[in-house]
Amino acid sequence: MASEPFDIDLVIARLRDQVPVLDGVEGAAELADIANLRSFRTPSAYVVLVQETPEPRKPGAPGAASRQMTKVVFGVTTAVRNYKGNKGKAATDDLRPVLAAQREALIGWVPPGLAGARDCQLVQGKVIDYDANTLLWTDIYETQHALGRAS
């Protein structure tokens, strides 16, 4: 349907197809089931729809009653683990090529089949959590799509 929220399964499918090094690519429900850092399969990624922000249309603008452009923000949380040493540097070293592959797959990619879709842009990346062996990193991306029916 033309007014459904952004389909995060498109991103999951893209990562599964383009980043074979990942042991798994899952969604928000699977991420919520993780009890602690040691519970993560690694390397793995979890894709979450963070926010949709529709842009207001001016009254009387062409198509105003039927289409509304919507900014989409989604996150990709990546888990890596390395047991060499206990300072976390080895896990950080292991993260770099995984992030590079994910970013190659998503930056500039236009989610298929969505009206008004635009290329994905990386907005931010940061460490979310870590211990001596496991590191969680989240990249935040933006894209857009149109909500509503075609005129």
N, C-alpha and C. Protein backbone atom coordinates (compact mmCIF):
# COMPACT_ATOMS: atom_id res chain seq x y z
N MET A 1 0.84 -1.19 0.00
CA MET A 1 0.00 0.00 0.00
C MET A 1 0.88 1.24 0.00
N ALA A 2 0.38 2.27 -0.57
CA ALA A 2 1.15 3.50 -0.77
C ALA A 2 1.37 4.30 0.51
N SER A 3 0.65 3.98 1.58
CA SER A 3 0.80 4.75 2.81
C SER A 3 1.41 3.94 3.95
N GLU A 4 1.98 2.78 3.62
CA GLU A 4 2.64 1.98 4.65
C GLU A 4 3.96 2.62 5.06
N PRO A 5 4.40 2.34 6.28
CA PRO A 5 5.74 2.80 6.68
C PRO A 5 6.81 2.19 5.78
N PHE A 6 7.97 2.79 5.79
CA PHE A 6 9.11 2.30 5.03
C PHE A 6 9.34 0.82 5.36
N ASP A 7 9.57 0.03 4.34
CA ASP A 7 9.76 -1.42 4.50
C ASP A 7 11.22 -1.71 4.79
N ILE A 8 11.53 -1.92 6.04
CA ILE A 8 12.91 -2.17 6.47
C ILE A 8 13.45 -3.48 5.92
N ASP A 9 12.54 -4.39 5.50
CA ASP A 9 12.98 -5.65 4.91
C ASP A 9 13.76 -5.44 3.62
N LEU A 10 13.54 -4.31 2.95
CA LEU A 10 14.33 -3.98 1.76
C LEU A 10 15.80 -3.82 2.12
N VAL A 11 16.07 -3.16 3.24
CA VAL A 11 17.45 -2.95 3.70
C VAL A 11 18.05 -4.28 4.15
N ILE A 12 17.28 -5.06 4.88
CA ILE A 12 17.75 -6.37 5.33
C ILE A 12 18.13 -7.24 4.14
N ALA A 13 17.27 -7.29 3.12
CA ALA A 13 17.56 -8.09 1.93
C ALA A 13 18.81 -7.58 1.21
N ARG A 14 18.96 -6.27 1.13
CA ARG A 14 20.14 -5.68 0.48
C ARG A 14 21.42 -6.11 1.19
N LEU A 15 21.43 -6.02 2.52
CA LEU A 15 22.63 -6.40 3.27
C LEU A 15 22.89 -7.90 3.17
N ARG A 16 21.85 -8.72 3.23
CA ARG A 16 22.04 -10.17 3.09
C ARG A 16 22.66 -10.50 1.74
N ASP A 17 22.22 -9.79 0.71
CA ASP A 17 22.71 -10.05 -0.64
C ASP A 17 24.11 -9.50 -0.89
N GLN A 18 24.40 -8.33 -0.37
CA GLN A 18 25.63 -7.62 -0.71
C GLN A 18 26.77 -7.78 0.29
N VAL A 19 26.48 -8.27 1.49
CA VAL A 19 27.52 -8.36 2.53
C VAL A 19 27.58 -9.80 3.05
N PRO A 20 28.16 -10.71 2.27
CA PRO A 20 28.16 -12.13 2.66
C PRO A 20 28.98 -12.45 3.90
N VAL A 21 29.84 -11.54 4.32
CA VAL A 21 30.65 -11.78 5.51
C VAL A 21 29.79 -11.81 6.78
N LEU A 22 28.60 -11.22 6.73
CA LEU A 22 27.73 -11.20 7.90
C LEU A 22 27.15 -12.59 8.18
N ASP A 23 27.18 -12.99 9.42
CA ASP A 23 26.62 -14.28 9.84
C ASP A 23 25.10 -14.21 9.88
N GLY A 24 24.57 -13.03 10.01
CA GLY A 24 23.13 -12.84 10.01
C GLY A 24 22.78 -11.38 9.88
N VAL A 25 21.62 -11.12 9.27
CA VAL A 25 21.06 -9.77 9.19
C VAL A 25 19.61 -9.91 9.62
N GLU A 26 19.25 -9.22 10.70
CA GLU A 26 17.92 -9.36 11.29
C GLU A 26 17.31 -7.99 11.52
N GLY A 27 16.15 -7.98 12.16
CA GLY A 27 15.43 -6.74 12.42
C GLY A 27 15.35 -6.38 13.88
N ALA A 28 14.43 -5.47 14.19
CA ALA A 28 14.29 -4.92 15.54
C ALA A 28 13.90 -5.98 16.56
N ALA A 29 13.01 -6.89 16.20
CA ALA A 29 12.56 -7.90 17.16
C ALA A 29 13.73 -8.78 17.62
N GLU A 30 14.56 -9.18 16.67
CA GLU A 30 15.72 -10.02 17.02
C GLU A 30 16.73 -9.25 17.86
N LEU A 31 16.92 -7.99 17.55
CA LEU A 31 17.82 -7.15 18.34
C LEU A 31 17.31 -7.03 19.77
N ALA A 32 16.01 -6.87 19.93
CA ALA A 32 15.42 -6.73 21.27
C ALA A 32 15.58 -8.00 22.10
N ASP A 33 15.72 -9.15 21.45
CA ASP A 33 15.86 -10.42 22.16
C ASP A 33 17.26 -10.65 22.70
N ILE A 34 18.23 -9.84 22.29
CA ILE A 34 19.61 -10.04 22.74
C ILE A 34 19.73 -9.61 24.20
N ALA A 35 20.20 -10.53 25.04
CA ALA A 35 20.26 -10.25 26.48
C ALA A 35 21.52 -9.49 26.88
N ASN A 36 22.66 -9.79 26.24
CA ASN A 36 23.91 -9.12 26.60
C ASN A 36 24.88 -9.21 25.44
N LEU A 37 26.00 -8.53 25.55
CA LEU A 37 26.96 -8.46 24.45
C LEU A 37 27.44 -9.84 24.00
N ARG A 38 27.60 -10.74 24.93
CA ARG A 38 28.11 -12.08 24.58
C ARG A 38 27.06 -12.91 23.83
N SER A 39 25.81 -12.46 23.81
CA SER A 39 24.74 -13.20 23.13
C SER A 39 24.69 -12.93 21.62
N PHE A 40 25.38 -11.91 21.15
CA PHE A 40 25.35 -11.57 19.72
C PHE A 40 26.10 -12.61 18.90
N ARG A 41 25.48 -13.05 17.79
CA ARG A 41 26.22 -13.79 16.77
C ARG A 41 27.09 -12.75 16.07
N THR A 42 28.29 -13.14 15.71
CA THR A 42 29.16 -12.15 15.06
C THR A 42 29.84 -12.76 13.85
N PRO A 43 30.15 -11.95 12.85
CA PRO A 43 29.63 -10.59 12.69
C PRO A 43 28.16 -10.64 12.25
N SER A 44 27.38 -9.76 12.77
CA SER A 44 25.96 -9.70 12.42
C SER A 44 25.50 -8.25 12.39
N ALA A 45 24.34 -8.05 11.76
CA ALA A 45 23.77 -6.70 11.66
C ALA A 45 22.28 -6.77 11.97
N TYR A 46 21.77 -5.69 12.55
CA TYR A 46 20.37 -5.57 12.92
C TYR A 46 19.87 -4.24 12.39
N VAL A 47 18.79 -4.28 11.61
CA VAL A 47 18.29 -3.09 10.94
C VAL A 47 16.99 -2.66 11.63
N VAL A 48 16.92 -1.37 11.98
CA VAL A 48 15.78 -0.83 12.72
C VAL A 48 15.29 0.46 12.06
N LEU A 49 13.99 0.54 11.84
CA LEU A 49 13.39 1.80 11.39
C LEU A 49 13.36 2.73 12.59
N VAL A 50 14.05 3.85 12.48
CA VAL A 50 14.17 4.78 13.61
C VAL A 50 13.05 5.82 13.59
N GLN A 51 12.80 6.39 12.42
CA GLN A 51 11.84 7.50 12.37
C GLN A 51 11.41 7.76 10.93
N GLU A 52 10.16 8.18 10.78
CA GLU A 52 9.67 8.73 9.52
C GLU A 52 9.14 10.12 9.81
N THR A 53 9.50 11.08 8.98
CA THR A 53 9.07 12.46 9.17
C THR A 53 8.46 12.97 7.87
N PRO A 54 7.13 12.98 7.78
CA PRO A 54 6.50 13.52 6.57
C PRO A 54 6.71 15.03 6.48
N GLU A 55 6.95 15.50 5.25
CA GLU A 55 7.09 16.93 5.01
C GLU A 55 5.70 17.51 4.77
N PRO A 56 5.34 18.58 5.48
CA PRO A 56 4.02 19.19 5.26
C PRO A 56 3.92 19.76 3.85
N ARG A 57 2.75 19.65 3.29
CA ARG A 57 2.48 20.22 1.97
C ARG A 57 1.68 21.50 2.15
N LYS A 58 1.93 22.45 1.28
CA LYS A 58 1.18 23.70 1.33
C LYS A 58 -0.22 23.46 0.77
N PRO A 59 -1.25 24.00 1.41
CA PRO A 59 -2.59 23.84 0.87
C PRO A 59 -2.67 24.37 -0.56
N GLY A 60 -3.34 23.62 -1.40
CA GLY A 60 -3.52 24.04 -2.78
C GLY A 60 -2.39 23.67 -3.71
N ALA A 61 -1.28 23.13 -3.17
CA ALA A 61 -0.15 22.72 -4.02
C ALA A 61 -0.56 21.51 -4.85
N PRO A 62 -0.08 21.42 -6.08
CA PRO A 62 -0.43 20.26 -6.91
C PRO A 62 -0.07 18.96 -6.21
N GLY A 63 -0.99 18.03 -6.20
CA GLY A 63 -0.75 16.73 -5.57
C GLY A 63 -0.80 16.76 -4.06
N ALA A 64 -1.15 17.89 -3.46
CA ALA A 64 -1.10 18.03 -2.01
C ALA A 64 -2.00 17.03 -1.30
N ALA A 65 -3.12 16.72 -1.90
CA ALA A 65 -4.05 15.83 -1.23
C ALA A 65 -3.67 14.36 -1.40
N SER A 66 -2.72 14.07 -2.29
CA SER A 66 -2.48 12.67 -2.59
C SER A 66 -1.09 12.15 -2.21
N ARG A 67 -0.05 12.96 -2.24
CA ARG A 67 1.31 12.50 -1.97
C ARG A 67 1.97 13.40 -0.93
N GLN A 68 2.74 12.74 -0.07
CA GLN A 68 3.49 13.47 0.94
C GLN A 68 4.88 12.85 1.03
N MET A 69 5.91 13.64 0.73
CA MET A 69 7.28 13.13 0.82
C MET A 69 7.63 12.93 2.30
N THR A 70 8.32 11.82 2.57
CA THR A 70 8.60 11.43 3.95
C THR A 70 10.06 11.06 4.10
N LYS A 71 10.75 11.76 5.00
CA LYS A 71 12.13 11.43 5.31
C LYS A 71 12.15 10.18 6.19
N VAL A 72 13.01 9.24 5.85
CA VAL A 72 13.14 7.99 6.58
C VAL A 72 14.52 7.92 7.21
N VAL A 73 14.56 7.57 8.49
CA VAL A 73 15.83 7.35 9.18
C VAL A 73 15.84 5.90 9.67
N PHE A 74 16.90 5.16 9.31
CA PHE A 74 17.03 3.80 9.81
C PHE A 74 18.45 3.58 10.30
N GLY A 75 18.59 2.64 11.22
CA GLY A 75 19.89 2.32 11.78
C GLY A 75 20.29 0.89 11.48
N VAL A 76 21.59 0.70 11.34
CA VAL A 76 22.16 -0.64 11.17
C VAL A 76 23.16 -0.84 12.30
N THR A 77 22.80 -1.70 13.25
CA THR A 77 23.69 -2.00 14.37
C THR A 77 24.48 -3.25 14.02
N THR A 78 25.79 -3.14 14.13
CA THR A 78 26.70 -4.22 13.74
C THR A 78 27.44 -4.72 14.97
N ALA A 79 27.50 -6.04 15.10
CA ALA A 79 28.22 -6.67 16.21
C ALA A 79 29.41 -7.45 15.66
N VAL A 80 30.57 -7.20 16.25
CA VAL A 80 31.77 -7.97 15.92
C VAL A 80 32.42 -8.43 17.23
N ARG A 81 33.19 -9.49 17.12
CA ARG A 81 33.85 -10.03 18.31
C ARG A 81 35.23 -10.53 17.92
N ASN A 82 36.20 -10.32 18.82
CA ASN A 82 37.53 -10.83 18.62
C ASN A 82 38.13 -11.11 20.00
N TYR A 83 38.65 -12.32 20.18
CA TYR A 83 39.18 -12.71 21.49
C TYR A 83 40.67 -12.46 21.64
N LYS A 84 41.33 -11.90 20.63
CA LYS A 84 42.75 -11.57 20.75
C LYS A 84 42.88 -10.34 21.64
N GLY A 85 43.63 -10.46 22.68
CA GLY A 85 43.81 -9.32 23.58
C GLY A 85 42.54 -9.05 24.36
N ASN A 86 42.60 -8.08 25.23
CA ASN A 86 41.42 -7.75 26.03
C ASN A 86 41.16 -6.25 26.08
N LYS A 87 41.66 -5.52 25.11
CA LYS A 87 41.50 -4.07 25.10
C LYS A 87 40.45 -3.61 24.09
N GLY A 88 39.95 -4.50 23.25
CA GLY A 88 38.94 -4.12 22.27
C GLY A 88 39.51 -3.68 20.93
N LYS A 89 40.83 -3.48 20.84
CA LYS A 89 41.41 -3.03 19.57
C LYS A 89 41.21 -4.07 18.47
N ALA A 90 41.34 -5.34 18.78
CA ALA A 90 41.17 -6.38 17.77
C ALA A 90 39.74 -6.37 17.22
N ALA A 91 38.76 -6.17 18.08
CA ALA A 91 37.36 -6.09 17.62
C ALA A 91 37.17 -4.86 16.73
N THR A 92 37.81 -3.76 17.08
CA THR A 92 37.73 -2.55 16.26
C THR A 92 38.34 -2.81 14.88
N ASP A 93 39.48 -3.51 14.85
CA ASP A 93 40.11 -3.85 13.58
C ASP A 93 39.20 -4.74 12.74
N ASP A 94 38.49 -5.66 13.37
CA ASP A 94 37.57 -6.54 12.66
C ASP A 94 36.34 -5.80 12.16
N LEU A 95 35.97 -4.73 12.83
CA LEU A 95 34.78 -3.96 12.45
C LEU A 95 34.99 -3.22 11.13
N ARG A 96 36.17 -2.69 10.90
CA ARG A 96 36.41 -1.83 9.72
C ARG A 96 35.97 -2.45 8.40
N PRO A 97 36.42 -3.66 8.05
CA PRO A 97 36.00 -4.20 6.75
C PRO A 97 34.51 -4.53 6.68
N VAL A 98 33.92 -4.90 7.80
CA VAL A 98 32.48 -5.18 7.82
C VAL A 98 31.70 -3.90 7.57
N LEU A 99 32.07 -2.83 8.27
CA LEU A 99 31.41 -1.54 8.04
C LEU A 99 31.62 -1.06 6.61
N ALA A 100 32.81 -1.24 6.09
CA ALA A 100 33.09 -0.80 4.72
C ALA A 100 32.16 -1.52 3.74
N ALA A 101 31.97 -2.82 3.91
CA ALA A 101 31.10 -3.59 3.01
C ALA A 101 29.64 -3.14 3.15
N GLN A 102 29.20 -2.91 4.37
CA GLN A 102 27.82 -2.45 4.59
C GLN A 102 27.61 -1.07 3.97
N ARG A 103 28.55 -0.18 4.17
CA ARG A 103 28.43 1.17 3.63
C ARG A 103 28.45 1.14 2.10
N GLU A 104 29.30 0.30 1.52
CA GLU A 104 29.32 0.16 0.06
C GLU A 104 27.95 -0.28 -0.45
N ALA A 105 27.29 -1.15 0.30
CA ALA A 105 25.99 -1.68 -0.11
C ALA A 105 24.87 -0.65 0.02
N LEU A 106 24.99 0.27 0.97
CA LEU A 106 23.86 1.16 1.28
C LEU A 106 24.02 2.60 0.81
N ILE A 107 25.22 3.16 0.86
CA ILE A 107 25.39 4.55 0.45
C ILE A 107 25.13 4.66 -1.05
N GLY A 108 24.17 5.49 -1.41
CA GLY A 108 23.82 5.69 -2.81
C GLY A 108 22.78 4.72 -3.34
N TRP A 109 22.45 3.69 -2.58
CA TRP A 109 21.45 2.70 -2.99
C TRP A 109 20.05 3.31 -2.87
N VAL A 110 19.23 3.10 -3.88
CA VAL A 110 17.84 3.56 -3.87
C VAL A 110 16.94 2.36 -3.60
N PRO A 111 16.22 2.36 -2.48
CA PRO A 111 15.33 1.23 -2.20
C PRO A 111 14.33 1.04 -3.34
N PRO A 112 14.23 -0.18 -3.87
CA PRO A 112 13.39 -0.42 -5.04
C PRO A 112 11.90 -0.46 -4.71
N GLY A 113 11.10 -0.09 -5.71
CA GLY A 113 9.66 -0.24 -5.61
C GLY A 113 8.93 0.78 -4.77
N LEU A 114 9.60 1.83 -4.36
CA LEU A 114 8.96 2.85 -3.52
C LEU A 114 8.83 4.15 -4.30
N ALA A 115 7.64 4.71 -4.32
CA ALA A 115 7.42 5.99 -4.98
C ALA A 115 8.26 7.07 -4.29
N GLY A 116 8.91 7.89 -5.08
CA GLY A 116 9.67 9.01 -4.53
C GLY A 116 10.94 8.63 -3.79
N ALA A 117 11.38 7.38 -3.88
CA ALA A 117 12.56 6.95 -3.14
C ALA A 117 13.80 7.71 -3.61
N ARG A 118 14.67 8.00 -2.68
CA ARG A 118 15.95 8.66 -2.96
C ARG A 118 17.08 7.78 -2.44
N ASP A 119 18.28 8.07 -2.91
CA ASP A 119 19.43 7.29 -2.49
C ASP A 119 19.70 7.44 -1.00
N CYS A 120 20.18 6.35 -0.41
CA CYS A 120 20.49 6.34 1.02
C CYS A 120 21.78 7.11 1.27
N GLN A 121 21.79 7.86 2.35
CA GLN A 121 22.95 8.64 2.76
C GLN A 121 23.32 8.28 4.20
N LEU A 122 24.59 8.11 4.46
CA LEU A 122 25.07 7.89 5.82
C LEU A 122 25.06 9.21 6.56
N VAL A 123 24.43 9.22 7.73
CA VAL A 123 24.31 10.44 8.52
C VAL A 123 25.28 10.44 9.70
N GLN A 124 25.44 9.27 10.33
CA GLN A 124 26.24 9.20 11.54
C GLN A 124 26.61 7.75 11.82
N GLY A 125 27.73 7.56 12.47
CA GLY A 125 28.13 6.24 12.96
C GLY A 125 28.77 6.40 14.31
N LYS A 126 28.48 5.45 15.22
CA LYS A 126 29.09 5.55 16.54
C LYS A 126 29.04 4.23 17.28
N VAL A 127 29.94 4.09 18.26
CA VAL A 127 29.96 2.94 19.14
C VAL A 127 28.75 3.03 20.06
N ILE A 128 28.03 1.92 20.18
CA ILE A 128 26.87 1.85 21.06
C ILE A 128 27.22 1.17 22.38
N ASP A 129 28.03 0.11 22.30
CA ASP A 129 28.41 -0.63 23.50
C ASP A 129 29.63 -1.47 23.16
N TYR A 130 30.38 -1.88 24.17
CA TYR A 130 31.54 -2.73 23.96
C TYR A 130 31.98 -3.34 25.28
N ASP A 131 32.73 -4.42 25.17
CA ASP A 131 33.46 -4.96 26.30
C ASP A 131 34.83 -5.36 25.76
N ALA A 132 35.56 -6.19 26.47
CA ALA A 132 36.92 -6.52 26.04
C ALA A 132 36.96 -7.24 24.69
N ASN A 133 35.87 -7.93 24.30
CA ASN A 133 35.90 -8.74 23.08
C ASN A 133 34.83 -8.40 22.05
N THR A 134 33.74 -7.80 22.46
CA THR A 134 32.60 -7.55 21.58
C THR A 134 32.36 -6.05 21.44
N LEU A 135 32.07 -5.64 20.20
CA LEU A 135 31.84 -4.23 19.90
C LEU A 135 30.54 -4.09 19.12
N LEU A 136 29.70 -3.15 19.53
CA LEU A 136 28.48 -2.81 18.81
C LEU A 136 28.63 -1.42 18.24
N TRP A 137 28.37 -1.29 16.95
CA TRP A 137 28.46 -0.02 16.24
C TRP A 137 27.15 0.20 15.52
N THR A 138 26.64 1.43 15.51
CA THR A 138 25.43 1.74 14.75
C THR A 138 25.70 2.85 13.76
N ASP A 139 25.36 2.57 12.49
CA ASP A 139 25.34 3.58 11.45
C ASP A 139 23.90 4.03 11.25
N ILE A 140 23.70 5.33 11.11
CA ILE A 140 22.38 5.91 10.87
C ILE A 140 22.34 6.40 9.42
N TYR A 141 21.29 6.02 8.70
CA TYR A 141 21.10 6.40 7.31
C TYR A 141 19.79 7.15 7.13
N GLU A 142 19.74 7.96 6.07
CA GLU A 142 18.51 8.64 5.67
C GLU A 142 18.19 8.31 4.22
N THR A 143 16.92 8.23 3.94
CA THR A 143 16.41 8.16 2.58
C THR A 143 15.05 8.84 2.60
N GLN A 144 14.27 8.66 1.57
CA GLN A 144 12.90 9.19 1.59
C GLN A 144 12.03 8.35 0.68
N HIS A 145 10.73 8.47 0.89
CA HIS A 145 9.75 7.88 -0.02
C HIS A 145 8.47 8.70 0.09
N ALA A 146 7.55 8.44 -0.81
CA ALA A 146 6.29 9.19 -0.83
C ALA A 146 5.19 8.34 -0.19
N LEU A 147 4.41 9.00 0.64
CA LEU A 147 3.23 8.37 1.22
C LEU A 147 1.99 8.89 0.48
N GLY A 148 0.99 8.07 0.42
CA GLY A 148 -0.27 8.49 -0.20
C GLY A 148 -0.47 7.87 -1.56
N ARG A 149 -1.61 8.16 -2.11
CA ARG A 149 -1.97 7.56 -3.41
C ARG A 149 -1.50 8.45 -4.56
N ALA A 150 -1.30 7.83 -5.69
CA ALA A 150 -0.94 8.58 -6.90
C ALA A 150 -2.14 9.38 -7.35
N SER A 151 -1.88 10.58 -7.84
CA SER A 151 -2.98 11.45 -8.30
C SER A 151 -3.61 10.91 -9.57
